[in-house]
Amino acid sequence: MYNVIMHNDDVTTMDFVVYVLVRIFRKSEEDAETLMLKVHNEGSAVVGTYSQDIAQSKANYTMNLAKANNFPLQLTIEES
């Protein structure tokens, strides 16, 4: 299994982060806000754990969506 890690930046809005956590990572609004604040305050956070293919797909999809919205949001995956 692989962790998807979201990294903080100074450009991506908190609203966008919550949006992708709800829509792509299927978090509740409450969990998404908690995770967004953890990313913001601690610099990064694990936002999900999946098989390698799914983890990579979710990370890539999120970064492509961010890029399309002019945000530099970065996600990485690492073995859990």
C-alpha atoms as a PDB file:
ATOM      1  CA  MET A   1       0.000   0.000   0.000  1.00  0.00           C
ATOM      2  CA  TYR A   2       1.057   3.577  -0.680  1.00  0.00           C
ATOM      3  CA  ASN A   3       0.373   6.855   1.108  1.00  0.00           C
ATOM      4  CA  VAL A   4      -0.605   9.910  -0.906  1.00  0.00           C
ATOM      5  CA  ILE A   5       1.029  12.966   0.672  1.00  0.00           C
ATOM      6  CA  MET A   6      -0.189  16.508  -0.012  1.00  0.00           C
ATOM      7  CA  HIS A   7       2.368  19.307   0.374  1.00  0.00           C
ATOM      8  CA  ASN A   8       1.701  22.884   1.412  1.00  0.00           C
ATOM      9  CA  ASP A   9       2.412  25.841  -0.849  1.00  0.00           C
ATOM     10  CA  ASP A  10       1.727  29.568  -0.624  1.00  0.00           C
ATOM     11  CA  VAL A  11      -0.564  29.771  -3.676  1.00  0.00           C
ATOM     12  CA  THR A  12      -3.153  26.977  -3.652  1.00  0.00           C
ATOM     13  CA  THR A  13      -6.300  28.125  -1.867  1.00  0.00           C
ATOM     14  CA  MET A  14      -7.671  26.335   1.147  1.00  0.00           C
ATOM     15  CA  ASP A  15     -11.031  26.037  -0.626  1.00  0.00           C
ATOM     16  CA  PHE A  16      -9.417  24.201  -3.552  1.00  0.00           C
ATOM     17  CA  VAL A  17      -7.632  21.800  -1.192  1.00  0.00           C
ATOM     18  CA  VAL A  18     -10.899  21.019   0.597  1.00  0.00           C
ATOM     19  CA  TYR A  19     -12.614  20.559  -2.780  1.00  0.00           C
ATOM     20  CA  VAL A  20     -10.101  17.947  -4.000  1.00  0.00           C
ATOM     21  CA  LEU A  21     -10.092  16.158  -0.666  1.00  0.00           C
ATOM     22  CA  VAL A  22     -13.879  15.792  -0.840  1.00  0.00           C
ATOM     23  CA  ARG A  23     -14.189  15.039  -4.571  1.00  0.00           C
ATOM     24  CA  ILE A  24     -11.071  12.997  -5.313  1.00  0.00           C
ATOM     25  CA  PHE A  25     -10.153  11.510  -1.944  1.00  0.00           C
ATOM     26  CA  ARG A  26     -13.780  11.091  -0.793  1.00  0.00           C
ATOM     27  CA  LYS A  27     -13.318  12.775   2.577  1.00  0.00           C
ATOM     28  CA  SER A  28     -16.212  14.340   4.482  1.00  0.00           C
ATOM     29  CA  GLU A  29     -16.248  18.151   4.609  1.00  0.00           C
ATOM     30  CA  GLU A  30     -15.153  17.992   8.249  1.00  0.00           C
ATOM     31  CA  ASP A  31     -12.286  15.563   7.584  1.00  0.00           C
ATOM     32  CA  ALA A  32     -11.230  17.568   4.522  1.00  0.00           C
ATOM     33  CA  GLU A  33     -11.023  20.785   6.541  1.00  0.00           C
ATOM     34  CA  THR A  34      -9.032  19.039   9.274  1.00  0.00           C
ATOM     35  CA  LEU A  35      -6.591  17.589   6.713  1.00  0.00           C
ATOM     36  CA  MET A  36      -6.288  20.927   4.889  1.00  0.00           C
ATOM     37  CA  LEU A  37      -5.332  22.638   8.154  1.00  0.00           C
ATOM     38  CA  LYS A  38      -2.794  19.899   8.907  1.00  0.00           C
ATOM     39  CA  VAL A  39      -1.198  20.393   5.474  1.00  0.00           C
ATOM     40  CA  HIS A  40      -1.211  24.166   6.011  1.00  0.00           C
ATOM     41  CA  ASN A  41       0.209  24.079   9.543  1.00  0.00           C
ATOM     42  CA  GLU A  42       2.611  21.135   9.314  1.00  0.00           C
ATOM     43  CA  GLY A  43       3.726  21.408   5.688  1.00  0.00           C
ATOM     44  CA  SER A  44       2.309  18.075   4.520  1.00  0.00           C
ATOM     45  CA  ALA A  45      -0.123  15.321   5.437  1.00  0.00           C
ATOM     46  CA  VAL A  46      -1.118  11.837   4.322  1.00  0.00           C
ATOM     47  CA  VAL A  47      -4.480  12.253   2.595  1.00  0.00           C
ATOM     48  CA  GLY A  48      -5.081   8.602   1.720  1.00  0.00           C
ATOM     49  CA  THR A  49      -3.598   5.111   1.485  1.00  0.00           C
ATOM     50  CA  TYR A  50      -4.230   3.021  -1.626  1.00  0.00           C
ATOM     51  CA  SER A  51      -2.695   0.433  -3.899  1.00  0.00           C
ATOM     52  CA  GLN A  52       0.208   1.881  -5.903  1.00  0.00           C
ATOM     53  CA  ASP A  53      -1.828   2.338  -9.105  1.00  0.00           C
ATOM     54  CA  ILE A  54      -4.695   4.115  -7.384  1.00  0.00           C
ATOM     55  CA  ALA A  55      -2.373   6.281  -5.271  1.00  0.00           C
ATOM     56  CA  GLN A  56      -0.450   7.397  -8.368  1.00  0.00           C
ATOM     57  CA  SER A  57      -3.666   8.014 -10.320  1.00  0.00           C
ATOM     58  CA  LYS A  58      -5.204  10.133  -7.559  1.00  0.00           C
ATOM     59  CA  ALA A  59      -1.988  12.133  -7.109  1.00  0.00           C
ATOM     60  CA  ASN A  60      -1.627  12.743 -10.857  1.00  0.00           C
ATOM     61  CA  TYR A  61      -5.298  13.616 -11.328  1.00  0.00           C
ATOM     62  CA  THR A  62      -5.174  16.087  -8.428  1.00  0.00           C
ATOM     63  CA  MET A  63      -2.001  17.783  -9.688  1.00  0.00           C
ATOM     64  CA  ASN A  64      -3.427  18.040 -13.222  1.00  0.00           C
ATOM     65  CA  LEU A  65      -6.624  19.592 -11.860  1.00  0.00           C
ATOM     66  CA  ALA A  66      -4.562  22.001  -9.771  1.00  0.00           C
ATOM     67  CA  LYS A  67      -2.444  22.950 -12.785  1.00  0.00           C
ATOM     68  CA  ALA A  68      -5.603  23.564 -14.848  1.00  0.00           C
ATOM     69  CA  ASN A  69      -6.693  25.977 -12.100  1.00  0.00           C
ATOM     70  CA  ASN A  70      -3.260  27.676 -11.952  1.00  0.00           C
ATOM     71  CA  PHE A  71      -2.283  26.180  -8.603  1.00  0.00           C
ATOM     72  CA  PRO A  72       1.142  24.593  -7.934  1.00  0.00           C
ATOM     73  CA  LEU A  73      -0.262  21.922  -5.574  1.00  0.00           C
ATOM     74  CA  GLN A  74       2.106  18.959  -5.242  1.00  0.00           C
ATOM     75  CA  LEU A  75       1.395  15.435  -4.069  1.00  0.00           C
ATOM     76  CA  THR A  76       3.813  12.554  -3.680  1.00  0.00           C
ATOM     77  CA  ILE A  77       3.350   8.886  -2.926  1.00  0.00           C
ATOM     78  CA  GLU A  78       5.430   6.675  -0.675  1.00  0.00           C
ATOM     79  CA  GLU A  79       5.182   3.108   0.470  1.00  0.00           C
ATOM     80  CA  SER A  80       3.266   2.869   3.735  1.00  0.00           C
END
